[in-house]
Structures are given as C-alpha cells and as structure tokens.
Amino acid sequence: MQLERIRTQIAATQQWRGTPLGEAGDMSALERRQAHAVLGRKIRPAGVLILLVERDDAFNVVLTQRTAHLHDHAGQISFPGGRQDEEDADIVATALRESTEEIGTDSTRIEVVGTLPNYVTVTAYEVTPVVAASAPQHYRVDPFEVADVFEVPLAHLLDEANWRRDSFMREGKRREYWAVPWRERYIWGATAGMLRTFREVLLHEPQND
C-alpha cells in the first residue's frame, strides 16, 4: 500500500470520529468514558506514534515491548508514546517527543500522515494514534521503559487470517479482545485494538458510505 493511499484513507476518518466505525476495542470510546466517569476517574490525554518504516518497497510498523517493572501494561507490546505534557504544542508533538525519548527516533526525519480516532484505555488514558512515515531509523531504547523495539510488516496486519478474538474472565464476565500474534510476540489489548482500527481505516471503501 502506497503512502498517498494511506493518507487518503486516514483523511476520510474525520467523519467517523465518535462512531463505532474504526473503534476496535472491546468497548467504544464513549462506553469507556462513561465507565471511568462512574468510577470517578479523570481521563488523561496521551499520544502514540504508529510509525511506518519503509523497507524493500513495503512498510513495517514499529512496536516496543515494555519493561517488566512498569506500573501500567508491564511487559506488554505497545507503540512508542505516552501522556501529554503541558509543554507539548499538541498531541502530535506528544507522540513525537515520547518516541524520541523511548526509542531515539529523529523527529526531523518523520513525516506525519494523520491521526486515527481516539482510543480510551482501561487505565483512563484517551489515546490519539498519530500515523507517520520515515526511512529506517537507528533505535536507541530507554532501558527503563523499553525492553525491546521491533517491526511488524504492515502486510501482516492487513491480512485478516492473522487476527483473532481472544478472551478472559473478569468479575465473572467474559471479555473479548483483538489479538494479532507476530512470530513469538503476542500483540493484544489496546495496541491490537488501535492496529485493528488502523486496518479498518486502510481497507475501508468510501463509496460504500
């Protein structure tokens, strides 16, 4: 898939925000906001970078594995990113800054393509996925936050055969979630939900609206 096609598809999502289309978690963003409100939780803004790196005329998506000692999502697969600071100009700046801090990316070599519909996590973050493109970069991980950085072919994420719905029991209720394994990696939860949203955006046919 060419970058211009990706840009066009993302631009079309503006009209979908706040609707079920493209919200691929186990709950919609609205449902999550309501659940957090009932519990008195303040939802904090965050930005993550869905970085597309071009290799051999194809795109890979950059992902990280978090270190085991972190408070939130320890050991899980995630995008580079984090919560917004007051000094950040906007949520795009947040995603770029966090990526630089976590894996050493050079923001001057990154082209921002657009943003996807927000995703509200169980840890009370409203995450804006920022899609961007770059030539291959030299990663330098922050050892406190990142155990590893790796790339997954975009073609693997677009192939429906690689996706599955898994589940767990919480408080007597069965909860389903998206998962998209890659080699020895198990990508699930919020990261898989946002990747699934990305997939839906890229494959959506506007003429069917």
C-alpha atoms as a PDB file:
ATOM      1  CA  MET A   1       0.000   0.000   0.000  1.00  0.00           C
ATOM      2  CA  GLN A   2       1.380   3.396  -1.041  1.00  0.00           C
ATOM      3  CA  LEU A   3       1.734   6.309   1.375  1.00  0.00           C
ATOM      4  CA  GLU A   4      -0.676   8.530  -0.563  1.00  0.00           C
ATOM      5  CA  ARG A   5      -3.352   5.842  -0.317  1.00  0.00           C
ATOM      6  CA  ILE A   6      -2.765   5.646   3.437  1.00  0.00           C
ATOM      7  CA  ARG A   7      -3.020   9.437   3.705  1.00  0.00           C
ATOM      8  CA  THR A   8      -6.284   9.490   1.748  1.00  0.00           C
ATOM      9  CA  GLN A   9      -7.843   6.747   3.838  1.00  0.00           C
ATOM     10  CA  ILE A  10      -6.884   8.436   7.117  1.00  0.00           C
ATOM     11  CA  ALA A  11      -8.278  11.775   5.950  1.00  0.00           C
ATOM     12  CA  ALA A  12     -11.627  10.067   5.369  1.00  0.00           C
ATOM     13  CA  THR A  13     -11.864   9.034   9.040  1.00  0.00           C
ATOM     14  CA  GLN A  14     -12.611  12.586  10.206  1.00  0.00           C
ATOM     15  CA  GLN A  15     -16.340  11.990   9.724  1.00  0.00           C
ATOM     16  CA  TRP A  16     -16.209   8.697  11.649  1.00  0.00           C
ATOM     17  CA  ARG A  17     -14.945  10.058  14.967  1.00  0.00           C
ATOM     18  CA  GLY A  18     -17.319   9.331  17.809  1.00  0.00           C
ATOM     19  CA  THR A  19     -18.937   6.451  15.919  1.00  0.00           C
ATOM     20  CA  PRO A  20     -18.400   2.683  16.208  1.00  0.00           C
ATOM     21  CA  LEU A  21     -16.645   2.622  12.824  1.00  0.00           C
ATOM     22  CA  GLY A  22     -12.943   2.278  13.472  1.00  0.00           C
ATOM     23  CA  GLU A  23     -13.246   1.756  17.244  1.00  0.00           C
ATOM     24  CA  ALA A  24     -11.963  -1.784  17.513  1.00  0.00           C
ATOM     25  CA  GLY A  25     -11.594  -2.257  21.258  1.00  0.00           C
ATOM     26  CA  ASP A  26     -13.854  -4.393  23.431  1.00  0.00           C
ATOM     27  CA  MET A  27     -15.754  -1.191  24.333  1.00  0.00           C
ATOM     28  CA  SER A  28     -16.322   2.002  22.373  1.00  0.00           C
ATOM     29  CA  ALA A  29     -14.562   5.206  23.414  1.00  0.00           C
ATOM     30  CA  LEU A  30     -17.898   6.567  24.679  1.00  0.00           C
ATOM     31  CA  GLU A  31     -18.557   3.442  26.766  1.00  0.00           C
ATOM     32  CA  ARG A  32     -15.085   3.642  28.282  1.00  0.00           C
ATOM     33  CA  ARG A  33     -15.525   7.332  29.139  1.00  0.00           C
ATOM     34  CA  GLN A  34     -18.823   6.537  30.836  1.00  0.00           C
ATOM     35  CA  ALA A  35     -17.287   3.638  32.781  1.00  0.00           C
ATOM     36  CA  HIS A  36     -14.442   5.834  34.036  1.00  0.00           C
ATOM     37  CA  ALA A  37     -16.899   8.595  34.972  1.00  0.00           C
ATOM     38  CA  VAL A  38     -18.887   6.171  37.124  1.00  0.00           C
ATOM     39  CA  LEU A  39     -15.687   5.290  38.984  1.00  0.00           C
ATOM     40  CA  GLY A  40     -14.699   8.952  39.340  1.00  0.00           C
ATOM     41  CA  ARG A  41     -11.591   8.593  37.215  1.00  0.00           C
ATOM     42  CA  LYS A  42     -10.098  11.529  35.326  1.00  0.00           C
ATOM     43  CA  ILE A  43      -9.215  10.641  31.753  1.00  0.00           C
ATOM     44  CA  ARG A  44      -5.808  11.941  30.698  1.00  0.00           C
ATOM     45  CA  PRO A  45      -4.749  12.674  27.088  1.00  0.00           C
ATOM     46  CA  ALA A  46      -1.953  10.652  25.532  1.00  0.00           C
ATOM     47  CA  GLY A  47      -0.416  10.238  22.105  1.00  0.00           C
ATOM     48  CA  VAL A  48       1.215   7.235  20.465  1.00  0.00           C
ATOM     49  CA  LEU A  49       3.159   7.003  17.230  1.00  0.00           C
ATOM     50  CA  ILE A  50       2.172   4.457  14.604  1.00  0.00           C
ATOM     51  CA  LEU A  51       5.437   4.789  12.724  1.00  0.00           C
ATOM     52  CA  LEU A  52       5.609   3.279   9.253  1.00  0.00           C
ATOM     53  CA  VAL A  53       9.172   2.485   8.229  1.00  0.00           C
ATOM     54  CA  GLU A  54       9.773   1.731   4.566  1.00  0.00           C
ATOM     55  CA  ARG A  55      11.937  -1.297   3.809  1.00  0.00           C
ATOM     56  CA  ASP A  56      12.207  -3.020   0.410  1.00  0.00           C
ATOM     57  CA  ASP A  57       9.279  -1.037  -1.034  1.00  0.00           C
ATOM     58  CA  ALA A  58       6.949  -2.060   1.805  1.00  0.00           C
ATOM     59  CA  PHE A  59       6.014  -0.603   5.183  1.00  0.00           C
ATOM     60  CA  ASN A  60       6.712  -2.018   8.631  1.00  0.00           C
ATOM     61  CA  VAL A  61       5.036  -0.796  11.837  1.00  0.00           C
ATOM     62  CA  VAL A  62       7.340  -0.001  14.757  1.00  0.00           C
ATOM     63  CA  LEU A  63       6.364  -1.509  18.122  1.00  0.00           C
ATOM     64  CA  THR A  64       8.007  -1.810  21.520  1.00  0.00           C
ATOM     65  CA  GLN A  65       7.944  -4.259  24.372  1.00  0.00           C
ATOM     66  CA  ARG A  66       7.636  -2.506  27.713  1.00  0.00           C
ATOM     67  CA  THR A  67       9.880  -3.402  30.618  1.00  0.00           C
ATOM     68  CA  ALA A  68       8.526  -5.737  33.285  1.00  0.00           C
ATOM     69  CA  HIS A  69       8.658  -3.286  36.202  1.00  0.00           C
ATOM     70  CA  LEU A  70       6.433  -0.513  34.816  1.00  0.00           C
ATOM     71  CA  HIS A  71       3.197   0.345  36.613  1.00  0.00           C
ATOM     72  CA  ASP A  72       0.959   0.298  33.516  1.00  0.00           C
ATOM     73  CA  HIS A  73       0.999  -2.532  30.945  1.00  0.00           C
ATOM     74  CA  ALA A  74       4.287  -4.007  32.163  1.00  0.00           C
ATOM     75  CA  GLY A  75       5.892  -6.358  29.648  1.00  0.00           C
ATOM     76  CA  GLN A  76       3.221  -5.763  27.026  1.00  0.00           C
ATOM     77  CA  ILE A  77       3.589  -4.755  23.384  1.00  0.00           C
ATOM     78  CA  SER A  78       2.886  -1.084  22.741  1.00  0.00           C
ATOM     79  CA  PHE A  79       3.509   1.827  20.416  1.00  0.00           C
ATOM     80  CA  PRO A  80       6.092   4.417  21.388  1.00  0.00           C
ATOM     81  CA  GLY A  81       4.169   7.166  23.135  1.00  0.00           C
ATOM     82  CA  GLY A  82       2.783   8.397  26.423  1.00  0.00           C
ATOM     83  CA  ARG A  83       0.766  11.031  28.229  1.00  0.00           C
ATOM     84  CA  GLN A  84       0.655  14.632  27.092  1.00  0.00           C
ATOM     85  CA  ASP A  85       2.796  17.201  28.928  1.00  0.00           C
ATOM     86  CA  GLU A  86       1.810  20.830  29.374  1.00  0.00           C
ATOM     87  CA  GLU A  87       4.856  21.845  27.320  1.00  0.00           C
ATOM     88  CA  ASP A  88       3.701  19.864  24.259  1.00  0.00           C
ATOM     89  CA  ALA A  89       2.303  22.046  21.482  1.00  0.00           C
ATOM     90  CA  ASP A  90      -0.333  19.425  20.638  1.00  0.00           C
ATOM     91  CA  ILE A  91      -0.933  15.693  20.780  1.00  0.00           C
ATOM     92  CA  VAL A  92       1.194  15.113  17.663  1.00  0.00           C
ATOM     93  CA  ALA A  93       4.101  16.760  19.455  1.00  0.00           C
ATOM     94  CA  THR A  94       3.449  14.430  22.391  1.00  0.00           C
ATOM     95  CA  ALA A  95       3.716  11.323  20.228  1.00  0.00           C
ATOM     96  CA  LEU A  96       6.885  12.531  18.512  1.00  0.00           C
ATOM     97  CA  ARG A  97       8.545  13.560  21.790  1.00  0.00           C
ATOM     98  CA  GLU A  98       7.698  10.303  23.520  1.00  0.00           C
ATOM     99  CA  SER A  99       9.003   8.287  20.578  1.00  0.00           C
ATOM    100  CA  THR A 100      12.301  10.165  20.702  1.00  0.00           C
ATOM    101  CA  GLU A 101      12.565   9.611  24.456  1.00  0.00           C
ATOM    102  CA  GLU A 102      11.660   5.926  24.327  1.00  0.00           C
ATOM    103  CA  ILE A 103      13.364   4.634  21.184  1.00  0.00           C
ATOM    104  CA  GLY A 104      15.560   7.506  19.961  1.00  0.00           C
ATOM    105  CA  THR A 105      13.722   8.398  16.747  1.00  0.00           C
ATOM    106  CA  ASP A 106      14.713  11.584  14.935  1.00  0.00           C
ATOM    107  CA  SER A 107      11.540  13.665  14.525  1.00  0.00           C
ATOM    108  CA  THR A 108      13.085  15.721  11.718  1.00  0.00           C
ATOM    109  CA  ARG A 109      13.075  12.580   9.563  1.00  0.00           C
ATOM    110  CA  ILE A 110       9.446  11.713  10.327  1.00  0.00           C
ATOM    111  CA  GLU A 111       6.503  12.780   8.136  1.00  0.00           C
ATOM    112  CA  VAL A 112       3.188  12.950   9.985  1.00  0.00           C
ATOM    113  CA  VAL A 113       0.404  11.457   7.859  1.00  0.00           C
ATOM    114  CA  GLY A 114      -2.615  11.969  10.109  1.00  0.00           C
ATOM    115  CA  THR A 115      -4.418  10.789  13.230  1.00  0.00           C
ATOM    116  CA  LEU A 116      -6.882   7.965  13.880  1.00  0.00           C
ATOM    117  CA  PRO A 117      -9.999   8.056  16.076  1.00  0.00           C
ATOM    118  CA  ASN A 118      -9.102   8.218  19.758  1.00  0.00           C
ATOM    119  CA  TYR A 119      -8.920   5.080  21.892  1.00  0.00           C
ATOM    120  CA  VAL A 120      -9.816   5.161  25.615  1.00  0.00           C
ATOM    121  CA  THR A 121      -7.855   2.630  27.666  1.00  0.00           C
ATOM    122  CA  VAL A 122      -8.760   0.760  30.842  1.00  0.00           C
ATOM    123  CA  THR A 123      -6.059   2.809  32.592  1.00  0.00           C
ATOM    124  CA  ALA A 124      -8.008   6.030  31.869  1.00  0.00           C
ATOM    125  CA  TYR A 125      -5.982   7.467  29.007  1.00  0.00           C
ATOM    126  CA  GLU A 126      -7.590   8.881  25.880  1.00  0.00           C
ATOM    127  CA  VAL A 127      -5.017   7.968  23.272  1.00  0.00           C
ATOM    128  CA  THR A 128      -4.629   9.670  19.909  1.00  0.00           C
ATOM    129  CA  PRO A 129      -2.827   7.377  17.442  1.00  0.00           C
ATOM    130  CA  VAL A 130      -0.583   9.518  15.226  1.00  0.00           C
ATOM    131  CA  VAL A 131       0.304   7.826  11.942  1.00  0.00           C
ATOM    132  CA  ALA A 132       3.658   8.832  10.474  1.00  0.00           C
ATOM    133  CA  ALA A 133       6.235   7.612   7.964  1.00  0.00           C
ATOM    134  CA  SER A 134      10.005   7.520   7.970  1.00  0.00           C
ATOM    135  CA  ALA A 135      13.020   5.975   6.331  1.00  0.00           C
ATOM    136  CA  PRO A 136      14.667   3.320   8.550  1.00  0.00           C
ATOM    137  CA  GLN A 137      15.993   4.800  11.768  1.00  0.00           C
ATOM    138  CA  HIS A 138      18.600   3.730  14.288  1.00  0.00           C
ATOM    139  CA  TYR A 139      16.788   2.889  17.508  1.00  0.00           C
ATOM    140  CA  ARG A 140      18.250   3.773  20.914  1.00  0.00           C
ATOM    141  CA  VAL A 141      15.935   2.483  23.615  1.00  0.00           C
ATOM    142  CA  ASP A 142      15.349   3.951  27.051  1.00  0.00           C
ATOM    143  CA  PRO A 143      16.177   0.879  29.166  1.00  0.00           C
ATOM    144  CA  PHE A 144      13.857   1.989  31.969  1.00  0.00           C
ATOM    145  CA  GLU A 145      10.738   1.913  29.780  1.00  0.00           C
ATOM    146  CA  VAL A 146      11.576  -0.235  26.762  1.00  0.00           C
ATOM    147  CA  ALA A 147      12.850  -3.806  26.801  1.00  0.00           C
ATOM    148  CA  ASP A 148      12.905  -4.140  23.008  1.00  0.00           C
ATOM    149  CA  VAL A 149      11.888  -2.437  19.772  1.00  0.00           C
ATOM    150  CA  PHE A 150      10.854  -4.372  16.671  1.00  0.00           C
ATOM    151  CA  GLU A 151       8.944  -4.035  13.406  1.00  0.00           C
ATOM    152  CA  VAL A 152       5.909  -5.878  12.056  1.00  0.00           C
ATOM    153  CA  PRO A 153       5.147  -5.849   8.318  1.00  0.00           C
ATOM    154  CA  LEU A 154       2.052  -3.797   7.537  1.00  0.00           C
ATOM    155  CA  ALA A 155       1.010  -6.614   5.183  1.00  0.00           C
ATOM    156  CA  HIS A 156       0.840  -8.967   8.184  1.00  0.00           C
ATOM    157  CA  LEU A 157      -1.520  -6.560   9.982  1.00  0.00           C
ATOM    158  CA  LEU A 158      -3.761  -6.125   6.936  1.00  0.00           C
ATOM    159  CA  ASP A 159      -4.248  -9.881   6.483  1.00  0.00           C
ATOM    160  CA  GLU A 160      -7.452 -10.981   8.217  1.00  0.00           C
ATOM    161  CA  ALA A 161      -6.040 -14.506   8.604  1.00  0.00           C
ATOM    162  CA  ASN A 162      -3.565 -13.222  11.196  1.00  0.00           C
ATOM    163  CA  TRP A 163      -6.221 -11.776  13.511  1.00  0.00           C
ATOM    164  CA  ARG A 164      -8.216 -13.497  16.213  1.00  0.00           C
ATOM    165  CA  ARG A 165     -10.616 -12.753  19.061  1.00  0.00           C
ATOM    166  CA  ASP A 166      -9.335 -13.968  22.424  1.00  0.00           C
ATOM    167  CA  SER A 167     -10.970 -13.597  25.819  1.00  0.00           C
ATOM    168  CA  PHE A 168     -10.524 -13.615  29.583  1.00  0.00           C
ATOM    169  CA  MET A 169     -12.824 -13.650  32.611  1.00  0.00           C
ATOM    170  CA  ARG A 170     -13.124 -10.540  34.794  1.00  0.00           C
ATOM    171  CA  GLU A 171     -15.526 -10.330  37.729  1.00  0.00           C
ATOM    172  CA  GLY A 172     -17.472 -13.253  36.358  1.00  0.00           C
ATOM    173  CA  LYS A 173     -17.847 -11.745  32.905  1.00  0.00           C
ATOM    174  CA  ARG A 174     -16.199 -12.911  29.714  1.00  0.00           C
ATOM    175  CA  ARG A 175     -14.372 -10.100  27.932  1.00  0.00           C
ATOM    176  CA  GLU A 176     -13.179 -10.415  24.348  1.00  0.00           C
ATOM    177  CA  TYR A 177     -10.329  -8.514  22.729  1.00  0.00           C
ATOM    178  CA  TRP A 178      -8.386  -8.414  19.485  1.00  0.00           C
ATOM    179  CA  ALA A 179      -5.023 -10.143  19.155  1.00  0.00           C
ATOM    180  CA  VAL A 180      -2.599 -10.296  16.239  1.00  0.00           C
ATOM    181  CA  PRO A 181       0.406 -12.501  17.045  1.00  0.00           C
ATOM    182  CA  TRP A 182       3.659 -11.896  15.189  1.00  0.00           C
ATOM    183  CA  ARG A 183       6.293 -14.637  15.450  1.00  0.00           C
ATOM    184  CA  GLU A 184       6.953 -15.034  19.190  1.00  0.00           C
ATOM    185  CA  ARG A 185       5.156 -11.774  20.046  1.00  0.00           C
ATOM    186  CA  TYR A 186       1.601 -11.643  21.355  1.00  0.00           C
ATOM    187  CA  ILE A 187       0.077  -8.289  20.411  1.00  0.00           C
ATOM    188  CA  TRP A 188      -3.231  -7.704  22.158  1.00  0.00           C
ATOM    189  CA  GLY A 189      -5.326  -5.237  24.171  1.00  0.00           C
ATOM    190  CA  ALA A 190      -5.180  -1.517  23.394  1.00  0.00           C
ATOM    191  CA  THR A 191      -2.300  -1.901  20.946  1.00  0.00           C
ATOM    192  CA  ALA A 192      -4.113  -4.544  18.935  1.00  0.00           C
ATOM    193  CA  GLY A 193      -7.319  -2.510  19.148  1.00  0.00           C
ATOM    194  CA  MET A 194      -5.609   0.523  17.617  1.00  0.00           C
ATOM    195  CA  LEU A 195      -3.922  -1.636  14.989  1.00  0.00           C
ATOM    196  CA  ARG A 196      -7.294  -3.137  14.134  1.00  0.00           C
ATOM    197  CA  THR A 197      -8.713   0.374  13.795  1.00  0.00           C
ATOM    198  CA  PHE A 198      -5.782   1.240  11.513  1.00  0.00           C
ATOM    199  CA  ARG A 199      -6.508  -1.835   9.423  1.00  0.00           C
ATOM    200  CA  GLU A 200     -10.200  -0.945   9.124  1.00  0.00           C
ATOM    201  CA  VAL A 201      -9.321   2.596   8.085  1.00  0.00           C
ATOM    202  CA  LEU A 202      -6.873   1.468   5.424  1.00  0.00           C
ATOM    203  CA  LEU A 203      -9.211  -1.140   3.926  1.00  0.00           C
ATOM    204  CA  HIS A 204     -12.449   0.841   4.138  1.00  0.00           C
ATOM    205  CA  GLU A 205     -14.144   1.580   0.817  1.00  0.00           C
ATOM    206  CA  PRO A 206     -15.576   5.160   0.951  1.00  0.00           C
ATOM    207  CA  GLN A 207     -18.051   4.526  -1.855  1.00  0.00           C
ATOM    208  CA  ASN A 208     -19.941   2.188   0.482  1.00  0.00           C
ATOM    209  CA  ASP A 209     -20.752   5.015   2.978  1.00  0.00           C
END
